Amino acid sequence: MARSLTRNESDAPLSSVETVLRDFLMQDVLYDKQIPLLGPRDSLLESELLDSIAIMQIVAFCEQAFEITIPEEELLPQNFENIEAIGQLVERQLAEKAAER
């Protein structure tokens, strides 16, 4: 059973990408968990909140919501450790997409 997470005082405010990600996670992936707050650096993997199916849900959501493609080589545990890491992954893909234009 996953432990209850709380936002750490040291966590920076969420970026707009992180806010979209957190809302998606809370509503569509973690809806059945008892999580009052989810901060950007709260571990999703250590807390056993994500499994491989949840990660694929996140990838599909990010690709659709942000109109990006997440390459297979980016499907690494450290890229899904927390909201901040997923946000950085999205930002990298957005930057690559912008550079291609």
PDB file of N, CA and C in Angstrom:
ATOM      1  N   MET A   1       0.852  -1.191   0.000  1.00  0.00           N
ATOM      2  CA  MET A   1       0.000   0.000   0.000  1.00  0.00           C
ATOM      3  C   MET A   1       0.882   1.233   0.000  1.00  0.00           C
ATOM      4  N   ALA A   2       0.587   2.174  -0.832  1.00  0.00           N
ATOM      5  CA  ALA A   2       1.377   3.398  -0.941  1.00  0.00           C
ATOM      6  C   ALA A   2       1.155   4.279   0.278  1.00  0.00           C
ATOM      7  N   ARG A   3       2.212   4.912   0.685  1.00  0.00           N
ATOM      8  CA  ARG A   3       2.092   5.805   1.831  1.00  0.00           C
ATOM      9  C   ARG A   3       1.440   7.111   1.394  1.00  0.00           C
ATOM     10  N   SER A   4       0.883   7.834   2.331  1.00  0.00           N
ATOM     11  CA  SER A   4       0.269   9.120   2.039  1.00  0.00           C
ATOM     12  C   SER A   4       1.361  10.153   1.798  1.00  0.00           C
ATOM     13  N   LEU A   5       1.220  10.931   0.758  1.00  0.00           N
ATOM     14  CA  LEU A   5       2.214  11.921   0.401  1.00  0.00           C
ATOM     15  C   LEU A   5       1.746  13.298   0.819  1.00  0.00           C
ATOM     16  N   THR A   6       2.695  14.135   1.167  1.00  0.00           N
ATOM     17  CA  THR A   6       2.373  15.527   1.468  1.00  0.00           C
ATOM     18  C   THR A   6       3.396  16.413   0.804  1.00  0.00           C
ATOM     19  N   ARG A   7       2.989  17.582   0.478  1.00  0.00           N
ATOM     20  CA  ARG A   7       3.865  18.544  -0.179  1.00  0.00           C
ATOM     21  C   ARG A   7       4.902  19.050   0.819  1.00  0.00           C
ATOM     22  N   ASN A   8       6.168  18.987   0.427  1.00  0.00           N
ATOM     23  CA  ASN A   8       7.252  19.489   1.265  1.00  0.00           C
ATOM     24  C   ASN A   8       7.327  20.999   1.149  1.00  0.00           C
ATOM     25  N   GLU A   9       7.642  21.657   2.224  1.00  0.00           N
ATOM     26  CA  GLU A   9       7.775  23.110   2.206  1.00  0.00           C
ATOM     27  C   GLU A   9       8.870  23.554   1.240  1.00  0.00           C
ATOM     28  N   SER A  10       9.873  22.700   1.014  1.00  0.00           N
ATOM     29  CA  SER A  10      10.985  23.058   0.137  1.00  0.00           C
ATOM     30  C   SER A  10      10.641  22.918  -1.345  1.00  0.00           C
ATOM     31  N   ASP A  11       9.503  22.313  -1.663  1.00  0.00           N
ATOM     32  CA  ASP A  11       9.118  22.143  -3.063  1.00  0.00           C
ATOM     33  C   ASP A  11       8.812  23.500  -3.688  1.00  0.00           C
ATOM     34  N   ALA A  12       9.364  23.714  -4.859  1.00  0.00           N
ATOM     35  CA  ALA A  12       9.102  24.938  -5.599  1.00  0.00           C
ATOM     36  C   ALA A  12       7.669  24.894  -6.125  1.00  0.00           C
ATOM     37  N   PRO A  13       7.116  26.064  -6.463  1.00  0.00           N
ATOM     38  CA  PRO A  13       5.774  26.058  -7.057  1.00  0.00           C
ATOM     39  C   PRO A  13       5.781  25.268  -8.365  1.00  0.00           C
ATOM     40  N   LEU A  14       4.644  24.722  -8.706  1.00  0.00           N
ATOM     41  CA  LEU A  14       4.536  23.938  -9.926  1.00  0.00           C
ATOM     42  C   LEU A  14       4.550  24.844 -11.161  1.00  0.00           C
ATOM     43  N   SER A  15       5.239  24.390 -12.205  1.00  0.00           N
ATOM     44  CA  SER A  15       5.189  25.088 -13.488  1.00  0.00           C
ATOM     45  C   SER A  15       3.837  24.782 -14.128  1.00  0.00           C
ATOM     46  N   SER A  16       3.521  25.432 -15.234  1.00  0.00           N
ATOM     47  CA  SER A  16       2.244  25.163 -15.896  1.00  0.00           C
ATOM     48  C   SER A  16       2.188  23.714 -16.395  1.00  0.00           C
ATOM     49  N   VAL A  17       3.300  23.192 -16.903  1.00  0.00           N
ATOM     50  CA  VAL A  17       3.349  21.799 -17.348  1.00  0.00           C
ATOM     51  C   VAL A  17       3.139  20.866 -16.157  1.00  0.00           C
ATOM     52  N   GLU A  18       3.816  21.148 -15.047  1.00  0.00           N
ATOM     53  CA  GLU A  18       3.681  20.305 -13.856  1.00  0.00           C
ATOM     54  C   GLU A  18       2.257  20.337 -13.302  1.00  0.00           C
ATOM     55  N   THR A  19       1.598  21.483 -13.387  1.00  0.00           N
ATOM     56  CA  THR A  19       0.218  21.590 -12.914  1.00  0.00           C
ATOM     57  C   THR A  19      -0.710  20.705 -13.748  1.00  0.00           C
ATOM     58  N   VAL A  20      -0.542  20.732 -15.063  1.00  0.00           N
ATOM     59  CA  VAL A  20      -1.338  19.872 -15.954  1.00  0.00           C
ATOM     60  C   VAL A  20      -1.071  18.407 -15.622  1.00  0.00           C
ATOM     61  N   LEU A  21       0.202  18.068 -15.427  1.00  0.00           N
ATOM     62  CA  LEU A  21       0.569  16.687 -15.099  1.00  0.00           C
ATOM     63  C   LEU A  21      -0.025  16.247 -13.766  1.00  0.00           C
ATOM     64  N   ARG A  22       0.087  17.086 -12.747  1.00  0.00           N
ATOM     65  CA  ARG A  22      -0.454  16.729 -11.435  1.00  0.00           C
ATOM     66  C   ARG A  22      -1.962  16.529 -11.512  1.00  0.00           C
ATOM     67  N   ASP A  23      -2.656  17.431 -12.213  1.00  0.00           N
ATOM     68  CA  ASP A  23      -4.105  17.294 -12.338  1.00  0.00           C
ATOM     69  C   ASP A  23      -4.464  15.975 -13.025  1.00  0.00           C
ATOM     70  N   PHE A  24      -3.748  15.641 -14.094  1.00  0.00           N
ATOM     71  CA  PHE A  24      -3.993  14.371 -14.786  1.00  0.00           C
ATOM     72  C   PHE A  24      -3.732  13.188 -13.858  1.00  0.00           C
ATOM     73  N   LEU A  25      -2.600  13.212 -13.169  1.00  0.00           N
ATOM     74  CA  LEU A  25      -2.260  12.108 -12.265  1.00  0.00           C
ATOM     75  C   LEU A  25      -3.332  11.925 -11.199  1.00  0.00           C
ATOM     76  N   MET A  26      -3.739  13.012 -10.583  1.00  0.00           N
ATOM     77  CA  MET A  26      -4.710  12.919  -9.487  1.00  0.00           C
ATOM     78  C   MET A  26      -6.082  12.452  -9.989  1.00  0.00           C
ATOM     79  N   GLN A  27      -6.497  12.903 -11.165  1.00  0.00           N
ATOM     80  CA  GLN A  27      -7.836  12.597 -11.664  1.00  0.00           C
ATOM     81  C   GLN A  27      -7.924  11.275 -12.416  1.00  0.00           C
ATOM     82  N   ASP A  28      -6.862  10.923 -13.150  1.00  0.00           N
ATOM     83  CA  ASP A  28      -6.970   9.773 -14.048  1.00  0.00           C
ATOM     84  C   ASP A  28      -6.087   8.581 -13.702  1.00  0.00           C
ATOM     85  N   VAL A  29      -5.025   8.811 -12.953  1.00  0.00           N
ATOM     86  CA  VAL A  29      -4.111   7.709 -12.643  1.00  0.00           C
ATOM     87  C   VAL A  29      -4.202   7.317 -11.167  1.00  0.00           C
ATOM     88  N   LEU A  30      -4.200   8.297 -10.287  1.00  0.00           N
ATOM     89  CA  LEU A  30      -4.156   8.026  -8.851  1.00  0.00           C
ATOM     90  C   LEU A  30      -5.506   8.256  -8.167  1.00  0.00           C
ATOM     91  N   TYR A  31      -6.573   8.283  -8.952  1.00  0.00           N
ATOM     92  CA  TYR A  31      -7.896   8.601  -8.431  1.00  0.00           C
ATOM     93  C   TYR A  31      -8.344   7.675  -7.301  1.00  0.00           C
ATOM     94  N   ASP A  32      -7.841   6.450  -7.278  1.00  0.00           N
ATOM     95  CA  ASP A  32      -8.273   5.483  -6.273  1.00  0.00           C
ATOM     96  C   ASP A  32      -7.326   5.402  -5.077  1.00  0.00           C
ATOM     97  N   LYS A  33      -6.343   6.291  -5.016  1.00  0.00           N
ATOM     98  CA  LYS A  33      -5.396   6.323  -3.903  1.00  0.00           C
ATOM     99  C   LYS A  33      -5.820   7.408  -2.914  1.00  0.00           C
ATOM    100  N   GLN A  34      -5.398   7.268  -1.698  1.00  0.00           N
ATOM    101  CA  GLN A  34      -5.698   8.250  -0.657  1.00  0.00           C
ATOM    102  C   GLN A  34      -4.544   9.243  -0.553  1.00  0.00           C
ATOM    103  N   ILE A  35      -4.488  10.199  -1.486  1.00  0.00           N
ATOM    104  CA  ILE A  35      -3.395  11.156  -1.512  1.00  0.00           C
ATOM    105  C   ILE A  35      -3.972  12.565  -1.380  1.00  0.00           C
ATOM    106  N   PRO A  36      -3.758  13.210  -0.242  1.00  0.00           N
ATOM    107  CA  PRO A  36      -4.316  14.551  -0.067  1.00  0.00           C
ATOM    108  C   PRO A  36      -3.619  15.602  -0.939  1.00  0.00           C
ATOM    109  N   LEU A  37      -2.315  15.542  -1.024  1.00  0.00           N
ATOM    110  CA  LEU A  37      -1.525  16.486  -1.811  1.00  0.00           C
ATOM    111  C   LEU A  37      -0.408  15.735  -2.505  1.00  0.00           C
ATOM    112  N   LEU A  38      -0.013  16.231  -3.647  1.00  0.00           N
ATOM    113  CA  LEU A  38       1.081  15.613  -4.381  1.00  0.00           C
ATOM    114  C   LEU A  38       2.007  16.720  -4.837  1.00  0.00           C
ATOM    115  N   GLY A  39       3.187  16.791  -4.223  1.00  0.00           N
ATOM    116  CA  GLY A  39       4.163  17.818  -4.565  1.00  0.00           C
ATOM    117  C   GLY A  39       5.009  17.415  -5.750  1.00  0.00           C
ATOM    118  N   PRO A  40       5.715  18.368  -6.342  1.00  0.00           N
ATOM    119  CA  PRO A  40       6.504  18.086  -7.542  1.00  0.00           C
ATOM    120  C   PRO A  40       7.639  17.104  -7.322  1.00  0.00           C
ATOM    121  N   ARG A  41       8.117  16.980  -6.093  1.00  0.00           N
ATOM    122  CA  ARG A  41       9.247  16.082  -5.822  1.00  0.00           C
ATOM    123  C   ARG A  41       8.858  14.843  -5.025  1.00  0.00           C
ATOM    124  N   ASP A  42       7.576  14.652  -4.785  1.00  0.00           N
ATOM    125  CA  ASP A  42       7.128  13.443  -4.093  1.00  0.00           C
ATOM    126  C   ASP A  42       7.351  12.246  -5.013  1.00  0.00           C
ATOM    127  N   SER A  43       7.991  11.222  -4.483  1.00  0.00           N
ATOM    128  CA  SER A  43       8.331  10.055  -5.292  1.00  0.00           C
ATOM    129  C   SER A  43       7.094   9.246  -5.652  1.00  0.00           C
ATOM    130  N   LEU A  44       6.919   9.047  -6.950  1.00  0.00           N
ATOM    131  CA  LEU A  44       5.812   8.229  -7.439  1.00  0.00           C
ATOM    132  C   LEU A  44       6.208   6.762  -7.522  1.00  0.00           C
ATOM    133  N   LEU A  45       7.492   6.509  -7.716  1.00  0.00           N
ATOM    134  CA  LEU A  45       7.972   5.128  -7.850  1.00  0.00           C
ATOM    135  C   LEU A  45       8.273   4.505  -6.499  1.00  0.00           C
ATOM    136  N   GLU A  46       8.978   5.229  -5.646  1.00  0.00           N
ATOM    137  CA  GLU A  46       9.290   4.713  -4.305  1.00  0.00           C
ATOM    138  C   GLU A  46       8.021   4.411  -3.527  1.00  0.00           C
ATOM    139  N   SER A  47       7.012   5.251  -3.735  1.00  0.00           N
ATOM    140  CA  SER A  47       5.737   5.079  -3.046  1.00  0.00           C
ATOM    141  C   SER A  47       4.859   4.029  -3.703  1.00  0.00           C
ATOM    142  N   GLU A  48       5.369   3.443  -4.789  1.00  0.00           N
ATOM    143  CA  GLU A  48       4.660   2.410  -5.540  1.00  0.00           C
ATOM    144  C   GLU A  48       3.302   2.881  -6.046  1.00  0.00           C
ATOM    145  N   LEU A  49       3.243   4.160  -6.439  1.00  0.00           N
ATOM    146  CA  LEU A  49       2.012   4.714  -6.983  1.00  0.00           C
ATOM    147  C   LEU A  49       1.880   4.456  -8.479  1.00  0.00           C
ATOM    148  N   LEU A  50       3.020   4.240  -9.148  1.00  0.00           N
ATOM    149  CA  LEU A  50       2.998   3.997 -10.588  1.00  0.00           C
ATOM    150  C   LEU A  50       3.470   2.601 -10.906  1.00  0.00           C
ATOM    151  N   ASP A  51       2.783   1.972 -11.842  1.00  0.00           N
ATOM    152  CA  ASP A  51       3.246   0.718 -12.415  1.00  0.00           C
ATOM    153  C   ASP A  51       3.447   0.957 -13.901  1.00  0.00           C
ATOM    154  N   SER A  52       3.790  -0.074 -14.638  1.00  0.00           N
ATOM    155  CA  SER A  52       4.090   0.115 -16.063  1.00  0.00           C
ATOM    156  C   SER A  52       2.872   0.604 -16.841  1.00  0.00           C
ATOM    157  N   ILE A  53       1.696   0.176 -16.455  1.00  0.00           N
ATOM    158  CA  ILE A  53       0.483   0.629 -17.145  1.00  0.00           C
ATOM    159  C   ILE A  53       0.253   2.111 -16.887  1.00  0.00           C
ATOM    160  N   ALA A  54       0.456   2.545 -15.653  1.00  0.00           N
ATOM    161  CA  ALA A  54       0.294   3.964 -15.320  1.00  0.00           C
ATOM    162  C   ALA A  54       1.308   4.816 -16.080  1.00  0.00           C
ATOM    163  N   ILE A  55       2.525   4.320 -16.214  1.00  0.00           N
ATOM    164  CA  ILE A  55       3.543   5.065 -16.963  1.00  0.00           C
ATOM    165  C   ILE A  55       3.118   5.203 -18.419  1.00  0.00           C
ATOM    166  N   MET A  56       2.573   4.150 -18.993  1.00  0.00           N
ATOM    167  CA  MET A  56       2.111   4.233 -20.385  1.00  0.00           C
ATOM    168  C   MET A  56       0.929   5.196 -20.512  1.00  0.00           C
ATOM    169  N   GLN A  57       0.075   5.261 -19.495  1.00  0.00           N
ATOM    170  CA  GLN A  57      -1.013   6.250 -19.487  1.00  0.00           C
ATOM    171  C   GLN A  57      -0.439   7.660 -19.496  1.00  0.00           C
ATOM    172  N   ILE A  58       0.593   7.884 -18.703  1.00  0.00           N
ATOM    173  CA  ILE A  58       1.229   9.203 -18.628  1.00  0.00           C
ATOM    174  C   ILE A  58       1.847   9.566 -19.965  1.00  0.00           C
ATOM    175  N   VAL A  59       2.541   8.615 -20.584  1.00  0.00           N
ATOM    176  CA  VAL A  59       3.169   8.860 -21.892  1.00  0.00           C
ATOM    177  C   VAL A  59       2.100   9.233 -22.914  1.00  0.00           C
ATOM    178  N   ALA A  60       1.030   8.449 -22.982  1.00  0.00           N
ATOM    179  CA  ALA A  60      -0.044   8.718 -23.949  1.00  0.00           C
ATOM    180  C   ALA A  60      -0.666  10.091 -23.699  1.00  0.00           C
ATOM    181  N   PHE A  61      -0.885  10.417 -22.436  1.00  0.00           N
ATOM    182  CA  PHE A  61      -1.456  11.725 -22.099  1.00  0.00           C
ATOM    183  C   PHE A  61      -0.530  12.848 -22.537  1.00  0.00           C
ATOM    184  N   CYS A  62       0.750  12.735 -22.187  1.00  0.00           N
ATOM    185  CA  CYS A  62       1.714  13.779 -22.531  1.00  0.00           C
ATOM    186  C   CYS A  62       1.814  13.967 -24.040  1.00  0.00           C
ATOM    187  N   GLU A  63       1.843  12.873 -24.768  1.00  0.00           N
ATOM    188  CA  GLU A  63       1.953  12.968 -26.222  1.00  0.00           C
ATOM    189  C   GLU A  63       0.734  13.671 -26.817  1.00  0.00           C
ATOM    190  N   GLN A  64      -0.427  13.387 -26.276  1.00  0.00           N
ATOM    191  CA  GLN A  64      -1.643  14.021 -26.791  1.00  0.00           C
ATOM    192  C   GLN A  64      -1.780  15.463 -26.294  1.00  0.00           C
ATOM    193  N   ALA A  65      -1.637  15.676 -25.002  1.00  0.00           N
ATOM    194  CA  ALA A  65      -1.873  16.997 -24.417  1.00  0.00           C
ATOM    195  C   ALA A  65      -0.857  18.039 -24.871  1.00  0.00           C
ATOM    196  N   PHE A  66       0.398  17.624 -25.010  1.00  0.00           N
ATOM    197  CA  PHE A  66       1.456  18.576 -25.351  1.00  0.00           C
ATOM    198  C   PHE A  66       1.909  18.464 -26.806  1.00  0.00           C
ATOM    199  N   GLU A  67       1.264  17.552 -27.551  1.00  0.00           N
ATOM    200  CA  GLU A  67       1.571  17.343 -28.972  1.00  0.00           C
ATOM    201  C   GLU A  67       3.066  17.088 -29.198  1.00  0.00           C
ATOM    202  N   ILE A  68       3.561  16.114 -28.434  1.00  0.00           N
ATOM    203  CA  ILE A  68       4.972  15.711 -28.523  1.00  0.00           C
ATOM    204  C   ILE A  68       5.038  14.211 -28.748  1.00  0.00           C
ATOM    205  N   THR A  69       6.224  13.742 -29.034  1.00  0.00           N
ATOM    206  CA  THR A  69       6.487  12.314 -29.100  1.00  0.00           C
ATOM    207  C   THR A  69       7.574  12.009 -28.084  1.00  0.00           C
ATOM    208  N   ILE A  70       7.320  11.051 -27.226  1.00  0.00           N
ATOM    209  CA  ILE A  70       8.320  10.643 -26.242  1.00  0.00           C
ATOM    210  C   ILE A  70       9.000   9.400 -26.788  1.00  0.00           C
ATOM    211  N   PRO A  71      10.287   9.527 -27.140  1.00  0.00           N
ATOM    212  CA  PRO A  71      10.998   8.378 -27.718  1.00  0.00           C
ATOM    213  C   PRO A  71      11.176   7.253 -26.698  1.00  0.00           C
ATOM    214  N   GLU A  72      11.277   6.063 -27.226  1.00  0.00           N
ATOM    215  CA  GLU A  72      11.425   4.874 -26.386  1.00  0.00           C
ATOM    216  C   GLU A  72      12.617   4.981 -25.432  1.00  0.00           C
ATOM    217  N   GLU A  73      13.705   5.579 -25.897  1.00  0.00           N
ATOM    218  CA  GLU A  73      14.900   5.677 -25.044  1.00  0.00           C
ATOM    219  C   GLU A  73      14.702   6.607 -23.845  1.00  0.00           C
ATOM    220  N   GLU A  74      13.615   7.382 -23.835  1.00  0.00           N
ATOM    221  CA  GLU A  74      13.304   8.254 -22.690  1.00  0.00           C
ATOM    222  C   GLU A  74      12.412   7.559 -21.663  1.00  0.00           C
ATOM    223  N   LEU A  75      11.992   6.342 -21.935  1.00  0.00           N
ATOM    224  CA  LEU A  75      11.123   5.607 -21.013  1.00  0.00           C
ATOM    225  C   LEU A  75      11.963   4.954 -19.918  1.00  0.00           C
ATOM    226  N   LEU A  76      12.575   5.794 -19.117  1.00  0.00           N
ATOM    227  CA  LEU A  76      13.463   5.375 -18.034  1.00  0.00           C
ATOM    228  C   LEU A  76      12.823   5.706 -16.686  1.00  0.00           C
ATOM    229  N   PRO A  77      13.057   4.890 -15.673  1.00  0.00           N
ATOM    230  CA  PRO A  77      12.457   5.157 -14.362  1.00  0.00           C
ATOM    231  C   PRO A  77      12.711   6.574 -13.846  1.00  0.00           C
ATOM    232  N   GLN A  78      13.918   7.099 -14.024  1.00  0.00           N
ATOM    233  CA  GLN A  78      14.221   8.422 -13.489  1.00  0.00           C
ATOM    234  C   GLN A  78      13.376   9.526 -14.138  1.00  0.00           C
ATOM    235  N   ASN A  79      12.852   9.286 -15.334  1.00  0.00           N
ATOM    236  CA  ASN A  79      12.006  10.279 -15.992  1.00  0.00           C
ATOM    237  C   ASN A  79      10.571  10.266 -15.470  1.00  0.00           C
ATOM    238  N   PHE A  80      10.239   9.280 -14.613  1.00  0.00           N
ATOM    239  CA  PHE A  80       8.896   9.166 -14.067  1.00  0.00           C
ATOM    240  C   PHE A  80       8.921   9.097 -12.542  1.00  0.00           C
ATOM    241  N   GLU A  81      10.034   9.500 -11.953  1.00  0.00           N
ATOM    242  CA  GLU A  81      10.212   9.446 -10.498  1.00  0.00           C
ATOM    243  C   GLU A  81       9.216  10.355  -9.774  1.00  0.00           C
ATOM    244  N   ASN A  82       8.963  11.529 -10.331  1.00  0.00           N
ATOM    245  CA  ASN A  82       8.066  12.496  -9.695  1.00  0.00           C
ATOM    246  C   ASN A  82       7.529  13.459 -10.760  1.00  0.00           C
ATOM    247  N   ILE A  83       6.652  14.335 -10.347  1.00  0.00           N
ATOM    248  CA  ILE A  83       6.051  15.295 -11.286  1.00  0.00           C
ATOM    249  C   ILE A  83       7.121  16.178 -11.908  1.00  0.00           C
ATOM    250  N   GLU A  84       8.076  16.589 -11.124  1.00  0.00           N
ATOM    251  CA  GLU A  84       9.148  17.442 -11.633  1.00  0.00           C
ATOM    252  C   GLU A  84       9.914  16.745 -12.764  1.00  0.00           C
ATOM    253  N   ALA A  85      10.255  15.477 -12.589  1.00  0.00           N
ATOM    254  CA  ALA A  85      10.996  14.723 -13.610  1.00  0.00           C
ATOM    255  C   ALA A  85      10.159  14.543 -14.876  1.00  0.00           C
ATOM    256  N   ILE A  86       8.871  14.255 -14.724  1.00  0.00           N
ATOM    257  CA  ILE A  86       8.005  14.105 -15.897  1.00  0.00           C
ATOM    258  C   ILE A  86       7.892  15.449 -16.611  1.00  0.00           C
ATOM    259  N   GLY A  87       7.777  16.522 -15.843  1.00  0.00           N
ATOM    260  CA  GLY A  87       7.715  17.861 -16.426  1.00  0.00           C
ATOM    261  C   GLY A  87       8.972  18.196 -17.212  1.00  0.00           C
ATOM    262  N   GLN A  88      10.125  17.822 -16.678  1.00  0.00           N
ATOM    263  CA  GLN A  88      11.389  18.054 -17.389  1.00  0.00           C
ATOM    264  C   GLN A  88      11.442  17.251 -18.678  1.00  0.00           C
ATOM    265  N   LEU A  89      10.941  16.028 -18.654  1.00  0.00           N
ATOM    266  CA  LEU A  89      10.870  15.203 -19.858  1.00  0.00           C
ATOM    267  C   LEU A  89      10.008  15.885 -20.916  1.00  0.00           C
ATOM    268  N   VAL A  90       8.850  16.364 -20.520  1.00  0.00           N
ATOM    269  CA  VAL A  90       7.954  17.058 -21.445  1.00  0.00           C
ATOM    270  C   VAL A  90       8.624  18.308 -21.992  1.00  0.00           C
ATOM    271  N   GLU A  91       9.248  19.090 -21.116  1.00  0.00           N
ATOM    272  CA  GLU A  91       9.916  20.327 -21.552  1.00  0.00           C
ATOM    273  C   GLU A  91      11.027  20.036 -22.559  1.00  0.00           C
ATOM    274  N   ARG A  92      11.793  18.958 -22.340  1.00  0.00           N
ATOM    275  CA  ARG A  92      12.839  18.578 -23.297  1.00  0.00           C
ATOM    276  C   ARG A  92      12.244  18.253 -24.666  1.00  0.00           C
ATOM    277  N   GLN A  93      11.152  17.511 -24.657  1.00  0.00           N
ATOM    278  CA  GLN A  93      10.524  17.134 -25.922  1.00  0.00           C
ATOM    279  C   GLN A  93       9.905  18.350 -26.615  1.00  0.00           C
ATOM    280  N   LEU A  94       9.357  19.269 -25.841  1.00  0.00           N
ATOM    281  CA  LEU A  94       8.821  20.501 -26.415  1.00  0.00           C
ATOM    282  C   LEU A  94       9.943  21.329 -27.046  1.00  0.00           C
ATOM    283  N   ALA A  95      11.084  21.391 -26.360  1.00  0.00           N
ATOM    284  CA  ALA A  95      12.231  22.140 -26.890  1.00  0.00           C
ATOM    285  C   ALA A  95      12.746  21.503 -28.170  1.00  0.00           C
ATOM    286  N   GLU A  96      12.815  20.184 -28.202  1.00  0.00           N
ATOM    287  CA  GLU A  96      13.264  19.486 -29.417  1.00  0.00           C
ATOM    288  C   GLU A  96      12.298  19.729 -30.573  1.00  0.00           C
ATOM    289  N   LYS A  97      11.009  19.710 -30.258  1.00  0.00           N
ATOM    290  CA  LYS A  97       9.993  19.962 -31.291  1.00  0.00           C
ATOM    291  C   LYS A  97      10.140  21.381 -31.837  1.00  0.00           C
ATOM    292  N   ALA A  98      10.356  22.348 -30.961  1.00  0.00           N
ATOM    293  CA  ALA A  98      10.509  23.739 -31.376  1.00  0.00           C
ATOM    294  C   ALA A  98      11.782  23.925 -32.214  1.00  0.00           C
ATOM    295  N   ALA A  99      12.840  23.206 -31.866  1.00  0.00           N
ATOM    296  CA  ALA A  99      14.105  23.309 -32.599  1.00  0.00           C
ATOM    297  C   ALA A  99      13.993  22.738 -34.007  1.00  0.00           C
ATOM    298  N   GLU A 100      13.072  21.799 -34.202  1.00  0.00           N
ATOM    299  CA  GLU A 100      12.879  21.176 -35.502  1.00  0.00           C
ATOM    300  C   GLU A 100      12.152  22.095 -36.483  1.00  0.00           C
ATOM    301  N   ARG A 101      11.487  23.104 -35.978  1.00  0.00           N
ATOM    302  CA  ARG A 101      10.705  24.005 -36.842  1.00  0.00           C
ATOM    303  C   ARG A 101      11.554  24.998 -37.534  1.00  0.00           C
TER     304      ARG A 101
END
